[in-house]
């Protein structure tokens, strides 16, 4: 399985490298107010892909932090209920001493 994973990684790398080599033409991005940015197509695609991934990660952070907070609260509640249960069991069965 490990060899298959490495084979797929190498294959993906070669495909992306071929894509990068084939798309080195210069393109111009035009912004507002006449601002232009000329650059290689592959670089512009990489920048916008990374920006999109970053925005997606930032969008998920709120959900992740909320779930972590809920999980820690539930763990605390479980720990407290187990502690109360063990104390109740210890009180229900008094230790028997020798006569």
C-alpha atoms as a PDB file:
ATOM      1  CA  UNK A   1       0.000   0.000   0.000  1.00  0.00           C
ATOM      2  CA  UNK A   2       2.877   2.316   0.797  1.00  0.00           C
ATOM      3  CA  UNK A   3       4.358   1.781  -2.677  1.00  0.00           C
ATOM      4  CA  UNK A   4       1.030   2.560  -4.314  1.00  0.00           C
ATOM      5  CA  UNK A   5       0.779   5.798  -2.340  1.00  0.00           C
ATOM      6  CA  UNK A   6       4.277   6.858  -3.383  1.00  0.00           C
ATOM      7  CA  UNK A   7       3.561   5.915  -6.995  1.00  0.00           C
ATOM      8  CA  UNK A   8       0.423   8.088  -6.997  1.00  0.00           C
ATOM      9  CA  UNK A   9       2.316  10.988  -5.418  1.00  0.00           C
ATOM     10  CA  UNK A  10       5.071  10.785  -8.022  1.00  0.00           C
ATOM     11  CA  UNK A  11       2.511  10.523 -10.821  1.00  0.00           C
ATOM     12  CA  UNK A  12       0.644  13.593  -9.550  1.00  0.00           C
ATOM     13  CA  UNK A  13       3.920  15.515  -9.256  1.00  0.00           C
ATOM     14  CA  UNK A  14       4.913  14.641 -12.833  1.00  0.00           C
ATOM     15  CA  UNK A  15       1.488  15.660 -14.145  1.00  0.00           C
ATOM     16  CA  UNK A  16       1.617  19.000 -12.327  1.00  0.00           C
ATOM     17  CA  UNK A  17       5.194  19.592 -13.434  1.00  0.00           C
ATOM     18  CA  UNK A  18       4.183  18.949 -17.045  1.00  0.00           C
ATOM     19  CA  UNK A  19       1.273  21.370 -16.626  1.00  0.00           C
ATOM     20  CA  UNK A  20       3.645  24.019 -15.279  1.00  0.00           C
ATOM     21  CA  UNK A  21       6.164  23.544 -18.088  1.00  0.00           C
ATOM     22  CA  UNK A  22       3.485  23.733 -20.797  1.00  0.00           C
ATOM     23  CA  UNK A  23       1.851  26.921 -19.405  1.00  0.00           C
ATOM     24  CA  UNK A  24       4.698  29.396 -19.101  1.00  0.00           C
ATOM     25  CA  UNK A  25       3.173  31.994 -21.442  1.00  0.00           C
ATOM     26  CA  UNK A  26       2.836  35.464 -20.042  1.00  0.00           C
ATOM     27  CA  UNK A  27      -0.699  36.614 -19.299  1.00  0.00           C
ATOM     28  CA  UNK A  28      -1.910  39.961 -18.043  1.00  0.00           C
ATOM     29  CA  UNK A  29      -4.338  40.362 -15.176  1.00  0.00           C
ATOM     30  CA  UNK A  30      -6.218  43.631 -15.379  1.00  0.00           C
ATOM     31  CA  UNK A  31      -7.541  45.216 -12.211  1.00  0.00           C
ATOM     32  CA  UNK A  32      -9.538  48.333 -11.509  1.00  0.00           C
ATOM     33  CA  UNK A  33      -8.135  51.801 -12.159  1.00  0.00           C
ATOM     34  CA  UNK A  34      -5.882  50.581 -14.971  1.00  0.00           C
ATOM     35  CA  UNK A  35      -3.622  48.438 -12.790  1.00  0.00           C
ATOM     36  CA  UNK A  36      -2.178  45.444 -14.664  1.00  0.00           C
ATOM     37  CA  UNK A  37      -0.020  42.536 -13.563  1.00  0.00           C
ATOM     38  CA  UNK A  38       1.784  40.514 -16.243  1.00  0.00           C
ATOM     39  CA  UNK A  39       3.089  37.118 -15.208  1.00  0.00           C
ATOM     40  CA  UNK A  40       3.380  33.480 -16.182  1.00  0.00           C
ATOM     41  CA  UNK A  41       0.057  31.665 -16.333  1.00  0.00           C
ATOM     42  CA  UNK A  42       1.174  28.858 -14.030  1.00  0.00           C
ATOM     43  CA  UNK A  43       2.298  31.344 -11.348  1.00  0.00           C
ATOM     44  CA  UNK A  44      -0.987  33.240 -11.483  1.00  0.00           C
ATOM     45  CA  UNK A  45      -2.956  29.990 -11.238  1.00  0.00           C
ATOM     46  CA  UNK A  46      -0.851  28.884  -8.274  1.00  0.00           C
ATOM     47  CA  UNK A  47      -1.351  32.199  -6.464  1.00  0.00           C
ATOM     48  CA  UNK A  48      -5.113  32.132  -6.906  1.00  0.00           C
ATOM     49  CA  UNK A  49      -5.349  28.445  -5.962  1.00  0.00           C
ATOM     50  CA  UNK A  50      -3.396  29.127  -2.747  1.00  0.00           C
ATOM     51  CA  UNK A  51      -5.570  32.165  -1.996  1.00  0.00           C
ATOM     52  CA  UNK A  52      -8.737  30.096  -2.480  1.00  0.00           C
ATOM     53  CA  UNK A  53      -7.428  27.329  -0.222  1.00  0.00           C
ATOM     54  CA  UNK A  54      -6.539  29.913   2.418  1.00  0.00           C
ATOM     55  CA  UNK A  55      -9.999  31.473   2.299  1.00  0.00           C
ATOM     56  CA  UNK A  56     -11.566  28.008   2.582  1.00  0.00           C
ATOM     57  CA  UNK A  57      -9.468  27.186   5.644  1.00  0.00           C
ATOM     58  CA  UNK A  58     -10.347  30.494   7.273  1.00  0.00           C
ATOM     59  CA  UNK A  59     -14.033  29.838   6.617  1.00  0.00           C
ATOM     60  CA  UNK A  60     -13.791  26.493   8.473  1.00  0.00           C
ATOM     61  CA  UNK A  61     -11.923  27.818  11.523  1.00  0.00           C
ATOM     62  CA  UNK A  62     -15.053  29.079  13.285  1.00  0.00           C
ATOM     63  CA  UNK A  63     -16.728  25.682  13.019  1.00  0.00           C
ATOM     64  CA  UNK A  64     -13.589  23.860  14.156  1.00  0.00           C
ATOM     65  CA  UNK A  65     -13.133  26.062  17.236  1.00  0.00           C
ATOM     66  CA  UNK A  66     -16.824  25.749  18.164  1.00  0.00           C
ATOM     67  CA  UNK A  67     -16.646  21.955  17.908  1.00  0.00           C
ATOM     68  CA  UNK A  68     -13.478  21.851  20.038  1.00  0.00           C
ATOM     69  CA  UNK A  69     -15.161  23.977  22.696  1.00  0.00           C
ATOM     70  CA  UNK A  70     -18.230  21.701  22.690  1.00  0.00           C
ATOM     71  CA  UNK A  71     -16.034  18.603  22.851  1.00  0.00           C
ATOM     72  CA  UNK A  72     -14.090  19.883  25.849  1.00  0.00           C
ATOM     73  CA  UNK A  73     -17.361  20.751  27.610  1.00  0.00           C
ATOM     74  CA  UNK A  74     -18.748  17.271  26.952  1.00  0.00           C
ATOM     75  CA  UNK A  75     -15.534  15.652  28.204  1.00  0.00           C
ATOM     76  CA  UNK A  76     -15.700  17.747  31.368  1.00  0.00           C
ATOM     77  CA  UNK A  77     -19.354  16.769  31.854  1.00  0.00           C
ATOM     78  CA  UNK A  78     -18.522  13.073  31.356  1.00  0.00           C
ATOM     79  CA  UNK A  79     -15.634  13.273  33.820  1.00  0.00           C
ATOM     80  CA  UNK A  80     -17.836  14.957  36.425  1.00  0.00           C
ATOM     81  CA  UNK A  81     -20.634  12.394  36.003  1.00  0.00           C
ATOM     82  CA  UNK A  82     -18.165   9.491  36.313  1.00  0.00           C
ATOM     83  CA  UNK A  83     -16.691  11.059  39.436  1.00  0.00           C
ATOM     84  CA  UNK A  84     -20.181  11.483  40.940  1.00  0.00           C
ATOM     85  CA  UNK A  85     -21.064   7.891  40.056  1.00  0.00           C
ATOM     86  CA  UNK A  86     -17.943   6.471  41.704  1.00  0.00           C
ATOM     87  CA  UNK A  87     -18.560   8.571  44.819  1.00  0.00           C
ATOM     88  CA  UNK A  88     -22.157   7.348  44.972  1.00  0.00           C
ATOM     89  CA  UNK A  89     -21.036   3.729  44.612  1.00  0.00           C
ATOM     90  CA  UNK A  90     -18.422   4.177  47.310  1.00  0.00           C
ATOM     91  CA  UNK A  91     -21.063   5.614  49.644  1.00  0.00           C
ATOM     92  CA  UNK A  92     -23.608   2.857  48.891  1.00  0.00           C
ATOM     93  CA  UNK A  93     -21.233   0.066  49.799  1.00  0.00           C
ATOM     94  CA  UNK A  94     -19.540   0.902  53.095  1.00  0.00           C
ATOM     95  CA  UNK A  95     -16.315  -0.867  53.848  1.00  0.00           C
ATOM     96  CA  UNK A  96     -16.735  -3.880  56.107  1.00  0.00           C
ATOM     97  CA  UNK A  97     -14.254  -4.049  58.888  1.00  0.00           C
ATOM     98  CA  UNK A  98     -13.270  -6.998  61.010  1.00  0.00           C
ATOM     99  CA  UNK A  99     -15.150  -7.741  64.121  1.00  0.00           C
END
